[in-house]
């Protein structure tokens, strides 16, 4: 399955985000931002990288 995600340009959901999703929250897209950051779009909103952004997951 990982091979197919890479083939079609889909990124894996970061473990930090996956563990914090609500029970009914679904990941719609993951986009690479720079070398190490990822933006995650879910059915309930956005997970933004970086501790300086309200609602972000990185560094928390």
N, C-alpha and C. Protein backbone atom coordinates (compact mmCIF):
# COMPACT_ATOMS: atom_id res chain seq x y z
N UNK A 1 0.82 -1.19 0.00
CA UNK A 1 0.00 0.00 0.00
C UNK A 1 0.87 1.26 0.00
N UNK A 2 1.97 1.24 0.74
CA UNK A 2 2.86 2.40 0.78
C UNK A 2 3.39 2.69 -0.63
N UNK A 3 3.69 1.66 -1.39
CA UNK A 3 4.16 1.83 -2.75
C UNK A 3 3.13 2.58 -3.59
N UNK A 4 1.86 2.22 -3.47
CA UNK A 4 0.81 2.88 -4.24
C UNK A 4 0.65 4.34 -3.85
N UNK A 5 0.77 4.63 -2.55
CA UNK A 5 0.69 6.03 -2.11
C UNK A 5 1.80 6.86 -2.73
N UNK A 6 3.00 6.33 -2.74
CA UNK A 6 4.13 7.04 -3.33
C UNK A 6 3.96 7.16 -4.85
N UNK A 7 3.46 6.12 -5.48
CA UNK A 7 3.25 6.12 -6.92
C UNK A 7 2.26 7.21 -7.34
N UNK A 8 1.20 7.37 -6.56
CA UNK A 8 0.16 8.35 -6.88
C UNK A 8 0.35 9.68 -6.16
N UNK A 9 1.49 9.85 -5.50
CA UNK A 9 1.81 11.14 -4.88
C UNK A 9 1.14 11.39 -3.55
N UNK A 10 0.70 10.37 -2.87
CA UNK A 10 0.06 10.54 -1.56
C UNK A 10 1.08 10.34 -0.47
N UNK A 11 1.06 11.22 0.50
CA UNK A 11 1.99 11.17 1.63
C UNK A 11 1.35 10.40 2.79
N UNK A 12 2.18 9.80 3.64
CA UNK A 12 1.69 9.17 4.86
C UNK A 12 1.27 10.24 5.86
N UNK A 13 0.28 9.93 6.67
CA UNK A 13 -0.16 10.84 7.73
C UNK A 13 0.90 10.82 8.83
N UNK A 14 1.39 12.00 9.26
CA UNK A 14 2.38 12.03 10.35
C UNK A 14 1.82 11.36 11.61
N UNK A 15 2.63 10.60 12.29
CA UNK A 15 2.19 9.87 13.49
C UNK A 15 1.65 10.83 14.55
N UNK A 16 2.25 12.01 14.68
CA UNK A 16 1.78 12.98 15.66
C UNK A 16 0.34 13.40 15.41
N UNK A 17 -0.03 13.50 14.15
CA UNK A 17 -1.39 13.90 13.79
C UNK A 17 -2.33 12.70 13.91
N UNK A 18 -1.93 11.57 13.39
CA UNK A 18 -2.79 10.38 13.39
C UNK A 18 -3.27 10.03 14.80
N UNK A 19 -2.40 10.19 15.78
CA UNK A 19 -2.76 9.87 17.15
C UNK A 19 -3.67 10.88 17.81
N UNK A 20 -3.85 12.05 17.20
CA UNK A 20 -4.66 13.11 17.81
C UNK A 20 -5.97 13.36 17.09
N UNK A 21 -6.28 12.59 16.05
CA UNK A 21 -7.52 12.79 15.31
C UNK A 21 -8.72 12.34 16.12
N UNK A 22 -9.84 13.02 15.91
CA UNK A 22 -11.09 12.61 16.54
C UNK A 22 -11.55 11.29 15.93
N UNK A 23 -12.41 10.57 16.63
CA UNK A 23 -12.85 9.26 16.17
C UNK A 23 -13.51 9.32 14.79
N UNK A 24 -14.23 10.38 14.50
CA UNK A 24 -14.93 10.50 13.22
C UNK A 24 -14.20 11.39 12.21
N UNK A 25 -12.97 11.80 12.53
CA UNK A 25 -12.21 12.69 11.65
C UNK A 25 -11.46 11.86 10.60
N UNK A 26 -11.60 12.23 9.35
CA UNK A 26 -10.97 11.50 8.24
C UNK A 26 -9.93 12.37 7.56
N UNK A 27 -8.79 11.79 7.22
CA UNK A 27 -7.75 12.50 6.49
C UNK A 27 -8.13 12.53 5.02
N UNK A 28 -8.17 13.75 4.46
CA UNK A 28 -8.52 13.93 3.06
C UNK A 28 -7.29 14.09 2.18
N UNK A 29 -6.25 14.75 2.72
CA UNK A 29 -5.03 14.98 1.95
C UNK A 29 -3.88 15.30 2.88
N UNK A 30 -2.69 14.97 2.42
CA UNK A 30 -1.44 15.32 3.11
C UNK A 30 -0.51 15.90 2.06
N UNK A 31 0.06 17.06 2.34
CA UNK A 31 0.95 17.71 1.39
C UNK A 31 2.28 18.03 2.05
N UNK A 32 3.35 17.74 1.34
CA UNK A 32 4.69 18.08 1.83
C UNK A 32 4.89 19.58 1.74
N UNK A 33 5.48 20.15 2.79
CA UNK A 33 5.81 21.57 2.83
C UNK A 33 7.27 21.69 3.21
N UNK A 34 8.11 21.93 2.24
CA UNK A 34 9.54 21.97 2.52
C UNK A 34 10.10 20.57 2.67
N UNK A 35 11.21 20.47 3.39
CA UNK A 35 11.88 19.18 3.52
C UNK A 35 11.24 18.25 4.54
N UNK A 36 10.81 18.79 5.69
CA UNK A 36 10.35 17.93 6.77
C UNK A 36 8.92 18.19 7.24
N UNK A 37 8.27 19.22 6.76
CA UNK A 37 6.94 19.58 7.25
C UNK A 37 5.86 19.04 6.33
N UNK A 38 4.68 18.82 6.93
CA UNK A 38 3.53 18.37 6.16
C UNK A 38 2.28 19.09 6.62
N UNK A 39 1.42 19.42 5.68
CA UNK A 39 0.11 19.99 5.94
C UNK A 39 -0.89 18.85 5.82
N UNK A 40 -1.78 18.70 6.80
CA UNK A 40 -2.77 17.63 6.77
C UNK A 40 -4.16 18.25 6.73
N UNK A 41 -4.95 17.85 5.74
CA UNK A 41 -6.32 18.32 5.59
C UNK A 41 -7.24 17.18 6.02
N UNK A 42 -8.14 17.47 6.97
CA UNK A 42 -9.07 16.45 7.44
C UNK A 42 -10.51 16.92 7.22
N UNK A 43 -11.43 16.05 7.53
CA UNK A 43 -12.85 16.38 7.40
C UNK A 43 -13.27 17.47 8.39
N UNK A 44 -12.45 17.73 9.40
CA UNK A 44 -12.78 18.75 10.41
C UNK A 44 -11.91 20.00 10.34
N UNK A 45 -10.88 19.99 9.49
CA UNK A 45 -10.04 21.18 9.40
C UNK A 45 -8.64 20.89 8.92
N UNK A 46 -7.73 21.84 9.23
CA UNK A 46 -6.34 21.74 8.83
C UNK A 46 -5.44 21.50 10.03
N UNK A 47 -4.42 20.68 9.83
CA UNK A 47 -3.35 20.50 10.80
C UNK A 47 -2.12 21.12 10.17
N UNK A 48 -1.69 22.23 10.74
CA UNK A 48 -0.56 22.99 10.19
C UNK A 48 0.72 22.67 10.95
N UNK A 49 1.84 22.56 10.24
CA UNK A 49 3.11 22.31 10.92
C UNK A 49 3.61 23.58 11.60
N UNK A 50 4.37 23.42 12.65
CA UNK A 50 5.02 24.56 13.29
C UNK A 50 4.37 24.97 14.59
N UNK A 51 5.16 25.18 15.62
CA UNK A 51 4.61 25.56 16.93
C UNK A 51 4.10 26.99 16.98
N UNK A 52 4.44 27.82 16.00
CA UNK A 52 4.03 29.20 16.03
C UNK A 52 2.63 29.45 15.48
N UNK A 53 1.99 28.40 14.96
CA UNK A 53 0.68 28.54 14.34
C UNK A 53 -0.39 27.99 15.28
N UNK A 54 -1.41 28.80 15.62
CA UNK A 54 -2.49 28.28 16.47
C UNK A 54 -3.14 27.06 15.82
N UNK A 55 -3.35 26.02 16.61
CA UNK A 55 -3.95 24.79 16.10
C UNK A 55 -2.96 23.88 15.43
N UNK A 56 -1.68 24.18 15.54
CA UNK A 56 -0.68 23.34 14.89
C UNK A 56 -0.39 22.11 15.75
N UNK A 57 0.24 21.13 15.13
CA UNK A 57 0.54 19.89 15.84
C UNK A 57 2.02 19.74 16.12
N UNK A 58 2.87 20.34 15.35
CA UNK A 58 4.31 20.17 15.54
C UNK A 58 4.78 20.86 16.81
N UNK A 59 5.58 20.20 17.56
CA UNK A 59 6.13 20.80 18.76
C UNK A 59 5.21 20.79 19.95
N UNK A 60 4.08 20.14 19.84
CA UNK A 60 3.15 20.08 20.98
C UNK A 60 3.07 18.69 21.54
